[in-house]
Amino acid sequence: MATIFTKIINGEIPSYKVAETEDFFAFLDINPNAKGHTLCIPKKEVNKIFDLDEETYMELMKFSRKVALAIRKSIECKRVGMSVIGLEVPHVHVHLIPL
């Protein structure tokens, strides 16, 4: 069964898209910790971050960095924090939170 994030990627559930590539998708968190709180996810549905193959893992980090730099330019903040908890949804996701 598809995760809620896969349904967002497929357009079955609405989201506010921040960025997208062929392999990754970034969108605003529905319950943000701060204005601009963004989730970066691989389009490939994988439950745990360390189950990603090394290339996808590294590309997710590069994608997240690009999104974080854009957030920092568009939202007044001292920095953009990053966390990977992996408890809420069984689909790898990186939280980017303006601080």
PDB file of N, CA and C in Angstrom:
ATOM      1  N   MET A   1       0.837  -1.184   0.000  1.00  0.00           N
ATOM      2  CA  MET A   1       0.000   0.000   0.000  1.00  0.00           C
ATOM      3  C   MET A   1       0.881   1.245   0.000  1.00  0.00           C
ATOM      4  N   ALA A   2       0.530   2.220  -0.813  1.00  0.00           N
ATOM      5  CA  ALA A   2       1.313   3.441  -0.950  1.00  0.00           C
ATOM      6  C   ALA A   2       1.260   4.275   0.330  1.00  0.00           C
ATOM      7  N   THR A   3       2.398   4.877   0.675  1.00  0.00           N
ATOM      8  CA  THR A   3       2.424   5.769   1.835  1.00  0.00           C
ATOM      9  C   THR A   3       1.751   7.088   1.484  1.00  0.00           C
ATOM     10  N   ILE A   4       1.467   7.881   2.501  1.00  0.00           N
ATOM     11  CA  ILE A   4       0.885   9.199   2.276  1.00  0.00           C
ATOM     12  C   ILE A   4       1.817  10.051   1.417  1.00  0.00           C
ATOM     13  N   PHE A   5       3.126   9.871   1.541  1.00  0.00           N
ATOM     14  CA  PHE A   5       4.063  10.646   0.737  1.00  0.00           C
ATOM     15  C   PHE A   5       4.010  10.237  -0.727  1.00  0.00           C
ATOM     16  N   THR A   6       3.859   8.956  -0.999  1.00  0.00           N
ATOM     17  CA  THR A   6       3.712   8.510  -2.386  1.00  0.00           C
ATOM     18  C   THR A   6       2.432   9.088  -2.977  1.00  0.00           C
ATOM     19  N   LYS A   7       1.380   9.152  -2.182  1.00  0.00           N
ATOM     20  CA  LYS A   7       0.123   9.741  -2.648  1.00  0.00           C
ATOM     21  C   LYS A   7       0.294  11.234  -2.930  1.00  0.00           C
ATOM     22  N   ILE A   8       1.113  11.917  -2.139  1.00  0.00           N
ATOM     23  CA  ILE A   8       1.415  13.329  -2.403  1.00  0.00           C
ATOM     24  C   ILE A   8       2.185  13.463  -3.705  1.00  0.00           C
ATOM     25  N   ILE A   9       3.209  12.641  -3.900  1.00  0.00           N
ATOM     26  CA  ILE A   9       3.996  12.673  -5.138  1.00  0.00           C
ATOM     27  C   ILE A   9       3.100  12.451  -6.348  1.00  0.00           C
ATOM     28  N   ASN A  10       2.162  11.510  -6.236  1.00  0.00           N
ATOM     29  CA  ASN A  10       1.267  11.175  -7.347  1.00  0.00           C
ATOM     30  C   ASN A  10       0.127  12.166  -7.536  1.00  0.00           C
ATOM     31  N   GLY A  11       0.034  13.158  -6.657  1.00  0.00           N
ATOM     32  CA  GLY A  11      -1.017  14.164  -6.774  1.00  0.00           C
ATOM     33  C   GLY A  11      -2.368  13.724  -6.243  1.00  0.00           C
ATOM     34  N   GLU A  12      -2.402  12.600  -5.546  1.00  0.00           N
ATOM     35  CA  GLU A  12      -3.659  12.105  -4.971  1.00  0.00           C
ATOM     36  C   GLU A  12      -4.040  12.881  -3.717  1.00  0.00           C
ATOM     37  N   ILE A  13      -3.046  13.466  -3.058  1.00  0.00           N
ATOM     38  CA  ILE A  13      -3.248  14.295  -1.871  1.00  0.00           C
ATOM     39  C   ILE A  13      -2.579  15.631  -2.174  1.00  0.00           C
ATOM     40  N   PRO A  14      -3.267  16.742  -1.925  1.00  0.00           N
ATOM     41  CA  PRO A  14      -2.658  18.044  -2.235  1.00  0.00           C
ATOM     42  C   PRO A  14      -1.488  18.362  -1.315  1.00  0.00           C
ATOM     43  N   SER A  15      -0.555  19.143  -1.850  1.00  0.00           N
ATOM     44  CA  SER A  15       0.590  19.617  -1.072  1.00  0.00           C
ATOM     45  C   SER A  15       1.052  20.929  -1.681  1.00  0.00           C
ATOM     46  N   TYR A  16       1.898  21.633  -0.940  1.00  0.00           N
ATOM     47  CA  TYR A  16       2.533  22.831  -1.466  1.00  0.00           C
ATOM     48  C   TYR A  16       3.946  22.429  -1.852  1.00  0.00           C
ATOM     49  N   LYS A  17       4.146  22.233  -3.156  1.00  0.00           N
ATOM     50  CA  LYS A  17       5.449  21.779  -3.659  1.00  0.00           C
ATOM     51  C   LYS A  17       6.469  22.905  -3.575  1.00  0.00           C
ATOM     52  N   VAL A  18       7.644  22.583  -3.041  1.00  0.00           N
ATOM     53  CA  VAL A  18       8.743  23.525  -2.932  1.00  0.00           C
ATOM     54  C   VAL A  18       9.755  23.283  -4.052  1.00  0.00           C
ATOM     55  N   ALA A  19      10.040  22.024  -4.356  1.00  0.00           N
ATOM     56  CA  ALA A  19      11.004  21.674  -5.395  1.00  0.00           C
ATOM     57  C   ALA A  19      10.738  20.240  -5.845  1.00  0.00           C
ATOM     58  N   GLU A  20      11.179  19.942  -7.074  1.00  0.00           N
ATOM     59  CA  GLU A  20      11.008  18.583  -7.594  1.00  0.00           C
ATOM     60  C   GLU A  20      12.055  18.316  -8.658  1.00  0.00           C
ATOM     61  N   THR A  21      12.577  17.098  -8.633  1.00  0.00           N
ATOM     62  CA  THR A  21      13.439  16.595  -9.694  1.00  0.00           C
ATOM     63  C   THR A  21      12.847  15.268 -10.145  1.00  0.00           C
ATOM     64  N   GLU A  22      13.529  14.609 -11.026  1.00  0.00           N
ATOM     65  CA  GLU A  22      13.065  13.296 -11.488  1.00  0.00           C
ATOM     66  C   GLU A  22      12.984  12.291 -10.339  1.00  0.00           C
ATOM     67  N   ASP A  23      13.886  12.422  -9.351  1.00  0.00           N
ATOM     68  CA  ASP A  23      13.987  11.423  -8.287  1.00  0.00           C
ATOM     69  C   ASP A  23      13.558  11.889  -6.901  1.00  0.00           C
ATOM     70  N   PHE A  24      13.373  13.210  -6.714  1.00  0.00           N
ATOM     71  CA  PHE A  24      13.105  13.739  -5.382  1.00  0.00           C
ATOM     72  C   PHE A  24      11.985  14.774  -5.407  1.00  0.00           C
ATOM     73  N   PHE A  25      11.380  14.984  -4.242  1.00  0.00           N
ATOM     74  CA  PHE A  25      10.247  15.895  -4.110  1.00  0.00           C
ATOM     75  C   PHE A  25      10.365  16.602  -2.764  1.00  0.00           C
ATOM     76  N   ALA A  26      10.113  17.900  -2.747  1.00  0.00           N
ATOM     77  CA  ALA A  26      10.130  18.670  -1.497  1.00  0.00           C
ATOM     78  C   ALA A  26       8.814  19.423  -1.381  1.00  0.00           C
ATOM     79  N   PHE A  27       8.237  19.403  -0.181  1.00  0.00           N
ATOM     80  CA  PHE A  27       6.956  20.061   0.042  1.00  0.00           C
ATOM     81  C   PHE A  27       6.873  20.545   1.483  1.00  0.00           C
ATOM     82  N   LEU A  28       5.992  21.516   1.715  1.00  0.00           N
ATOM     83  CA  LEU A  28       5.839  22.055   3.059  1.00  0.00           C
ATOM     84  C   LEU A  28       5.177  21.035   3.974  1.00  0.00           C
ATOM     85  N   ASP A  29       5.664  20.985   5.212  1.00  0.00           N
ATOM     86  CA  ASP A  29       5.111  20.095   6.225  1.00  0.00           C
ATOM     87  C   ASP A  29       3.713  20.565   6.617  1.00  0.00           C
ATOM     88  N   ILE A  30       2.771  19.643   6.759  1.00  0.00           N
ATOM     89  CA  ILE A  30       1.393  19.986   7.102  1.00  0.00           C
ATOM     90  C   ILE A  30       1.266  20.476   8.553  1.00  0.00           C
ATOM     91  N   ASN A  31       2.187  20.063   9.422  1.00  0.00           N
ATOM     92  CA  ASN A  31       2.222  20.509  10.817  1.00  0.00           C
ATOM     93  C   ASN A  31       3.593  21.108  11.104  1.00  0.00           C
ATOM     94  N   PRO A  32       3.862  22.298  10.554  1.00  0.00           N
ATOM     95  CA  PRO A  32       5.221  22.847  10.627  1.00  0.00           C
ATOM     96  C   PRO A  32       5.649  23.264  12.031  1.00  0.00           C
ATOM     97  N   ASN A  33       6.938  23.085  12.288  1.00  0.00           N
ATOM     98  CA  ASN A  33       7.547  23.583  13.522  1.00  0.00           C
ATOM     99  C   ASN A  33       7.883  25.063  13.389  1.00  0.00           C
ATOM    100  N   ALA A  34       8.003  25.534  12.140  1.00  0.00           N
ATOM    101  CA  ALA A  34       8.301  26.934  11.837  1.00  0.00           C
ATOM    102  C   ALA A  34       7.849  27.206  10.407  1.00  0.00           C
ATOM    103  N   LYS A  35       7.651  28.494  10.096  1.00  0.00           N
ATOM    104  CA  LYS A  35       7.300  28.872   8.734  1.00  0.00           C
ATOM    105  C   LYS A  35       8.387  28.364   7.785  1.00  0.00           C
ATOM    106  N   GLY A  36       7.990  27.657   6.739  1.00  0.00           N
ATOM    107  CA  GLY A  36       8.941  27.133   5.769  1.00  0.00           C
ATOM    108  C   GLY A  36       9.430  25.723   6.041  1.00  0.00           C
ATOM    109  N   HIS A  37       8.945  25.097   7.115  1.00  0.00           N
ATOM    110  CA  HIS A  37       9.325  23.710   7.443  1.00  0.00           C
ATOM    111  C   HIS A  37       9.000  22.834   6.231  1.00  0.00           C
ATOM    112  N   THR A  38      10.026  22.232   5.669  1.00  0.00           N
ATOM    113  CA  THR A  38       9.914  21.494   4.414  1.00  0.00           C
ATOM    114  C   THR A  38      10.383  20.057   4.590  1.00  0.00           C
ATOM    115  N   LEU A  39       9.722  19.152   3.890  1.00  0.00           N
ATOM    116  CA  LEU A  39      10.145  17.750   3.851  1.00  0.00           C
ATOM    117  C   LEU A  39      10.732  17.450   2.481  1.00  0.00           C
ATOM    118  N   CYS A  40      11.869  16.782   2.462  1.00  0.00           N
ATOM    119  CA  CYS A  40      12.498  16.326   1.224  1.00  0.00           C
ATOM    120  C   CYS A  40      12.445  14.803   1.225  1.00  0.00           C
ATOM    121  N   ILE A  41      11.949  14.244   0.134  1.00  0.00           N
ATOM    122  CA  ILE A  41      11.768  12.796   0.070  1.00  0.00           C
ATOM    123  C   ILE A  41      12.231  12.247  -1.275  1.00  0.00           C
ATOM    124  N   PRO A  42      12.691  11.007  -1.284  1.00  0.00           N
ATOM    125  CA  PRO A  42      12.916  10.356  -2.570  1.00  0.00           C
ATOM    126  C   PRO A  42      11.564   9.918  -3.132  1.00  0.00           C
ATOM    127  N   LYS A  43      11.431   9.932  -4.427  1.00  0.00           N
ATOM    128  CA  LYS A  43      10.179   9.464  -5.026  1.00  0.00           C
ATOM    129  C   LYS A  43      10.048   7.946  -4.875  1.00  0.00           C
ATOM    130  N   LYS A  44      11.179   7.286  -4.814  1.00  0.00           N
ATOM    131  CA  LYS A  44      11.180   5.843  -4.584  1.00  0.00           C
ATOM    132  C   LYS A  44      10.803   5.591  -3.126  1.00  0.00           C
ATOM    133  N   GLU A  45       9.798   4.784  -2.893  1.00  0.00           N
ATOM    134  CA  GLU A  45       9.307   4.528  -1.545  1.00  0.00           C
ATOM    135  C   GLU A  45      10.221   3.534  -0.827  1.00  0.00           C
ATOM    136  N   VAL A  46      10.950   4.048   0.162  1.00  0.00           N
ATOM    137  CA  VAL A  46      11.840   3.241   1.005  1.00  0.00           C
ATOM    138  C   VAL A  46      11.552   3.647   2.443  1.00  0.00           C
ATOM    139  N   ASN A  47      11.428   2.681   3.332  1.00  0.00           N
ATOM    140  CA  ASN A  47      11.035   2.939   4.711  1.00  0.00           C
ATOM    141  C   ASN A  47      12.122   3.645   5.523  1.00  0.00           C
ATOM    142  N   LYS A  48      13.343   3.141   5.487  1.00  0.00           N
ATOM    143  CA  LYS A  48      14.398   3.630   6.385  1.00  0.00           C
ATOM    144  C   LYS A  48      15.545   4.242   5.585  1.00  0.00           C
ATOM    145  N   ILE A  49      16.062   5.353   6.089  1.00  0.00           N
ATOM    146  CA  ILE A  49      17.086   6.094   5.348  1.00  0.00           C
ATOM    147  C   ILE A  49      18.320   5.244   5.048  1.00  0.00           C
ATOM    148  N   PHE A  50      18.726   4.397   5.970  1.00  0.00           N
ATOM    149  CA  PHE A  50      19.928   3.618   5.733  1.00  0.00           C
ATOM    150  C   PHE A  50      19.671   2.379   4.882  1.00  0.00           C
ATOM    151  N   ASP A  51      18.420   2.196   4.465  1.00  0.00           N
ATOM    152  CA  ASP A  51      18.104   1.169   3.470  1.00  0.00           C
ATOM    153  C   ASP A  51      18.213   1.711   2.051  1.00  0.00           C
ATOM    154  N   LEU A  52      18.379   3.048   1.912  1.00  0.00           N
ATOM    155  CA  LEU A  52      18.608   3.609   0.578  1.00  0.00           C
ATOM    156  C   LEU A  52      19.954   3.123   0.068  1.00  0.00           C
ATOM    157  N   ASP A  53      20.065   2.926  -1.234  1.00  0.00           N
ATOM    158  CA  ASP A  53      21.390   2.635  -1.777  1.00  0.00           C
ATOM    159  C   ASP A  53      22.231   3.903  -1.620  1.00  0.00           C
ATOM    160  N   GLU A  54      23.533   3.744  -1.614  1.00  0.00           N
ATOM    161  CA  GLU A  54      24.435   4.861  -1.318  1.00  0.00           C
ATOM    162  C   GLU A  54      24.239   6.040  -2.272  1.00  0.00           C
ATOM    163  N   GLU A  55      24.041   5.770  -3.537  1.00  0.00           N
ATOM    164  CA  GLU A  55      23.870   6.853  -4.518  1.00  0.00           C
ATOM    165  C   GLU A  55      22.604   7.665  -4.219  1.00  0.00           C
ATOM    166  N   THR A  56      21.497   6.991  -3.952  1.00  0.00           N
ATOM    167  CA  THR A  56      20.255   7.693  -3.654  1.00  0.00           C
ATOM    168  C   THR A  56      20.386   8.484  -2.361  1.00  0.00           C
ATOM    169  N   TYR A  57      21.038   7.904  -1.362  1.00  0.00           N
ATOM    170  CA  TYR A  57      21.268   8.595  -0.096  1.00  0.00           C
ATOM    171  C   TYR A  57      22.039   9.899  -0.334  1.00  0.00           C
ATOM    172  N   MET A  58      23.131   9.815  -1.080  1.00  0.00           N
ATOM    173  CA  MET A  58      23.948  11.001  -1.340  1.00  0.00           C
ATOM    174  C   MET A  58      23.180  12.034  -2.168  1.00  0.00           C
ATOM    175  N   GLU A  59      22.421  11.580  -3.140  1.00  0.00           N
ATOM    176  CA  GLU A  59      21.640  12.500  -3.965  1.00  0.00           C
ATOM    177  C   GLU A  59      20.524  13.164  -3.153  1.00  0.00           C
ATOM    178  N   LEU A  60      19.933  12.441  -2.202  1.00  0.00           N
ATOM    179  CA  LEU A  60      18.927  13.028  -1.323  1.00  0.00           C
ATOM    180  C   LEU A  60      19.557  14.140  -0.482  1.00  0.00           C
ATOM    181  N   MET A  61      20.765  13.919   0.013  1.00  0.00           N
ATOM    182  CA  MET A  61      21.452  14.945   0.793  1.00  0.00           C
ATOM    183  C   MET A  61      21.775  16.166  -0.073  1.00  0.00           C
ATOM    184  N   LYS A  62      22.195  15.950  -1.306  1.00  0.00           N
ATOM    185  CA  LYS A  62      22.471  17.070  -2.224  1.00  0.00           C
ATOM    186  C   LYS A  62      21.193  17.852  -2.522  1.00  0.00           C
ATOM    187  N   PHE A  63      20.112  17.135  -2.787  1.00  0.00           N
ATOM    188  CA  PHE A  63      18.819  17.771  -3.052  1.00  0.00           C
ATOM    189  C   PHE A  63      18.377  18.568  -1.824  1.00  0.00           C
ATOM    190  N   SER A  64      18.491  17.977  -0.646  1.00  0.00           N
ATOM    191  CA  SER A  64      18.104  18.650   0.595  1.00  0.00           C
ATOM    192  C   SER A  64      18.929  19.906   0.817  1.00  0.00           C
ATOM    193  N   ARG A  65      20.202  19.850   0.500  1.00  0.00           N
ATOM    194  CA  ARG A  65      21.074  21.028   0.641  1.00  0.00           C
ATOM    195  C   ARG A  65      20.605  22.158  -0.260  1.00  0.00           C
ATOM    196  N   LYS A  66      20.291  21.841  -1.504  1.00  0.00           N
ATOM    197  CA  LYS A  66      19.803  22.875  -2.438  1.00  0.00           C
ATOM    198  C   LYS A  66      18.513  23.506  -1.927  1.00  0.00           C
ATOM    199  N   VAL A  67      17.620  22.679  -1.434  1.00  0.00           N
ATOM    200  CA  VAL A  67      16.359  23.190  -0.897  1.00  0.00           C
ATOM    201  C   VAL A  67      16.627  24.051   0.344  1.00  0.00           C
ATOM    202  N   ALA A  68      17.517  23.610   1.220  1.00  0.00           N
ATOM    203  CA  ALA A  68      17.842  24.371   2.433  1.00  0.00           C
ATOM    204  C   ALA A  68      18.426  25.737   2.086  1.00  0.00           C
ATOM    205  N   LEU A  69      19.290  25.795   1.093  1.00  0.00           N
ATOM    206  CA  LEU A  69      19.866  27.078   0.686  1.00  0.00           C
ATOM    207  C   LEU A  69      18.790  28.005   0.140  1.00  0.00           C
ATOM    208  N   ALA A  70      17.830  27.455  -0.586  1.00  0.00           N
ATOM    209  CA  ALA A  70      16.723  28.264  -1.100  1.00  0.00           C
ATOM    210  C   ALA A  70      15.827  28.750   0.034  1.00  0.00           C
ATOM    211  N   ILE A  71      15.582  27.900   1.017  1.00  0.00           N
ATOM    212  CA  ILE A  71      14.782  28.301   2.179  1.00  0.00           C
ATOM    213  C   ILE A  71      15.468  29.461   2.894  1.00  0.00           C
ATOM    214  N   ARG A  72      16.766  29.342   3.088  1.00  0.00           N
ATOM    215  CA  ARG A  72      17.515  30.379   3.807  1.00  0.00           C
ATOM    216  C   ARG A  72      17.453  31.724   3.082  1.00  0.00           C
ATOM    217  N   LYS A  73      17.399  31.687   1.751  1.00  0.00           N
ATOM    218  CA  LYS A  73      17.293  32.924   0.966  1.00  0.00           C
ATOM    219  C   LYS A  73      15.894  33.535   1.041  1.00  0.00           C
ATOM    220  N   SER A  74      14.889  32.698   1.205  1.00  0.00           N
ATOM    221  CA  SER A  74      13.517  33.202   1.121  1.00  0.00           C
ATOM    222  C   SER A  74      12.829  33.416   2.464  1.00  0.00           C
ATOM    223  N   ILE A  75      13.366  32.876   3.526  1.00  0.00           N
ATOM    224  CA  ILE A  75      12.767  33.023   4.856  1.00  0.00           C
ATOM    225  C   ILE A  75      13.830  33.549   5.804  1.00  0.00           C
ATOM    226  N   GLU A  76      13.484  34.611   6.527  1.00  0.00           N
ATOM    227  CA  GLU A  76      14.433  35.177   7.469  1.00  0.00           C
ATOM    228  C   GLU A  76      14.672  34.184   8.613  1.00  0.00           C
ATOM    229  N   CYS A  77      15.906  33.727   8.711  1.00  0.00           N
ATOM    230  CA  CYS A  77      16.267  32.781   9.762  1.00  0.00           C
ATOM    231  C   CYS A  77      17.773  32.814   9.952  1.00  0.00           C
ATOM    232  N   LYS A  78      18.237  32.327  11.085  1.00  0.00           N
ATOM    233  CA  LYS A  78      19.677  32.274  11.358  1.00  0.00           C
ATOM    234  C   LYS A  78      20.330  31.079  10.673  1.00  0.00           C
ATOM    235  N   ARG A  79      19.554  30.009  10.538  1.00  0.00           N
ATOM    236  CA  ARG A  79      20.047  28.794   9.888  1.00  0.00           C
ATOM    237  C   ARG A  79      18.866  27.901   9.555  1.00  0.00           C
ATOM    238  N   VAL A  80      19.135  26.888   8.781  1.00  0.00           N
ATOM    239  CA  VAL A  80      18.124  25.867   8.493  1.00  0.00           C
ATOM    240  C   VAL A  80      18.606  24.575   9.137  1.00  0.00           C
ATOM    241  N   GLY A  81      17.820  24.083  10.096  1.00  0.00           N
ATOM    242  CA  GLY A  81      18.154  22.828  10.760  1.00  0.00           C
ATOM    243  C   GLY A  81      17.663  21.645   9.935  1.00  0.00           C
ATOM    244  N   MET A  82      18.302  20.517  10.141  1.00  0.00           N
ATOM    245  CA  MET A  82      17.925  19.300   9.428  1.00  0.00           C
ATOM    246  C   MET A  82      17.769  18.175  10.433  1.00  0.00           C
ATOM    247  N   SER A  83      16.716  17.380  10.257  1.00  0.00           N
ATOM    248  CA  SER A  83      16.584  16.186  11.083  1.00  0.00           C
ATOM    249  C   SER A  83      16.020  15.051  10.245  1.00  0.00           C
ATOM    250  N   VAL A  84      16.435  13.876  10.605  1.00  0.00           N
ATOM    251  CA  VAL A  84      15.916  12.654  10.006  1.00  0.00           C
ATOM    252  C   VAL A  84      15.544  11.757  11.170  1.00  0.00           C
ATOM    253  N   ILE A  85      14.250  11.624  11.403  1.00  0.00           N
ATOM    254  CA  ILE A  85      13.797  10.855  12.551  1.00  0.00           C
ATOM    255  C   ILE A  85      13.270   9.499  12.086  1.00  0.00           C
ATOM    256  N   GLY A  86      12.385   9.526  11.095  1.00  0.00           N
ATOM    257  CA  GLY A  86      11.906   8.293  10.499  1.00  0.00           C
ATOM    258  C   GLY A  86      10.852   7.550  11.285  1.00  0.00           C
ATOM    259  N   LEU A  87      10.081   8.251  12.093  1.00  0.00           N
ATOM    260  CA  LEU A  87       9.074   7.572  12.901  1.00  0.00           C
ATOM    261  C   LEU A  87       7.644   7.772  12.387  1.00  0.00           C
ATOM    262  N   GLU A  88       7.364   8.916  11.798  1.00  0.00           N
ATOM    263  CA  GLU A  88       5.985   9.269  11.485  1.00  0.00           C
ATOM    264  C   GLU A  88       5.418   8.537  10.274  1.00  0.00           C
ATOM    265  N   VAL A  89       6.178   8.480   9.214  1.00  0.00           N
ATOM    266  CA  VAL A  89       5.706   7.896   7.947  1.00  0.00           C
ATOM    267  C   VAL A  89       6.764   6.906   7.467  1.00  0.00           C
ATOM    268  N   PRO A  90       6.361   5.706   7.050  1.00  0.00           N
ATOM    269  CA  PRO A  90       7.346   4.713   6.593  1.00  0.00           C
ATOM    270  C   PRO A  90       7.854   5.002   5.178  1.00  0.00           C
ATOM    271  N   HIS A  91       8.360   6.208   4.989  1.00  0.00           N
ATOM    272  CA  HIS A  91       8.910   6.663   3.711  1.00  0.00           C
ATOM    273  C   HIS A  91      10.000   7.660   4.081  1.00  0.00           C
ATOM    274  N   VAL A  92      11.228   7.423   3.643  1.00  0.00           N
ATOM    275  CA  VAL A  92      12.358   8.276   4.004  1.00  0.00           C
ATOM    276  C   VAL A  92      11.996   9.747   3.800  1.00  0.00           C
ATOM    277  N   HIS A  93      12.307  10.566   4.811  1.00  0.00           N
ATOM    278  CA  HIS A  93      12.084  12.004   4.676  1.00  0.00           C
ATOM    279  C   HIS A  93      13.056  12.783   5.553  1.00  0.00           C
ATOM    280  N   VAL A  94      13.497  13.903   5.004  1.00  0.00           N
ATOM    281  CA  VAL A  94      14.404  14.817   5.676  1.00  0.00           C
ATOM    282  C   VAL A  94      13.612  16.070   6.015  1.00  0.00           C
ATOM    283  N   HIS A  95      13.627  16.459   7.290  1.00  0.00           N
ATOM    284  CA  HIS A  95      12.976  17.700   7.717  1.00  0.00           C
ATOM    285  C   HIS A  95      13.981  18.840   7.589  1.00  0.00           C
ATOM    286  N   LEU A  96      13.594  19.930   6.946  1.00  0.00           N
ATOM    287  CA  LEU A  96      14.380  21.155   6.903  1.00  0.00           C
ATOM    288  C   LEU A  96      13.562  22.220   7.613  1.00  0.00           C
ATOM    289  N   ILE A  97      14.109  22.767   8.704  1.00  0.00           N
ATOM    290  CA  ILE A  97      13.354  23.683   9.541  1.00  0.00           C
ATOM    291  C   ILE A  97      14.120  24.990   9.719  1.00  0.00           C
ATOM    292  N   PRO A  98      13.556  26.096   9.231  1.00  0.00           N
ATOM    293  CA  PRO A  98      14.195  27.387   9.473  1.00  0.00           C
ATOM    294  C   PRO A  98      14.226  27.673  10.973  1.00  0.00           C
ATOM    295  N   LEU A  99      15.380  28.079  11.468  1.00  0.00           N
ATOM    296  CA  LEU A  99      15.557  28.361  12.902  1.00  0.00           C
ATOM    297  C   LEU A  99      15.932  29.828  13.109  1.00  0.00           C
TER     298      LEU A  99
END
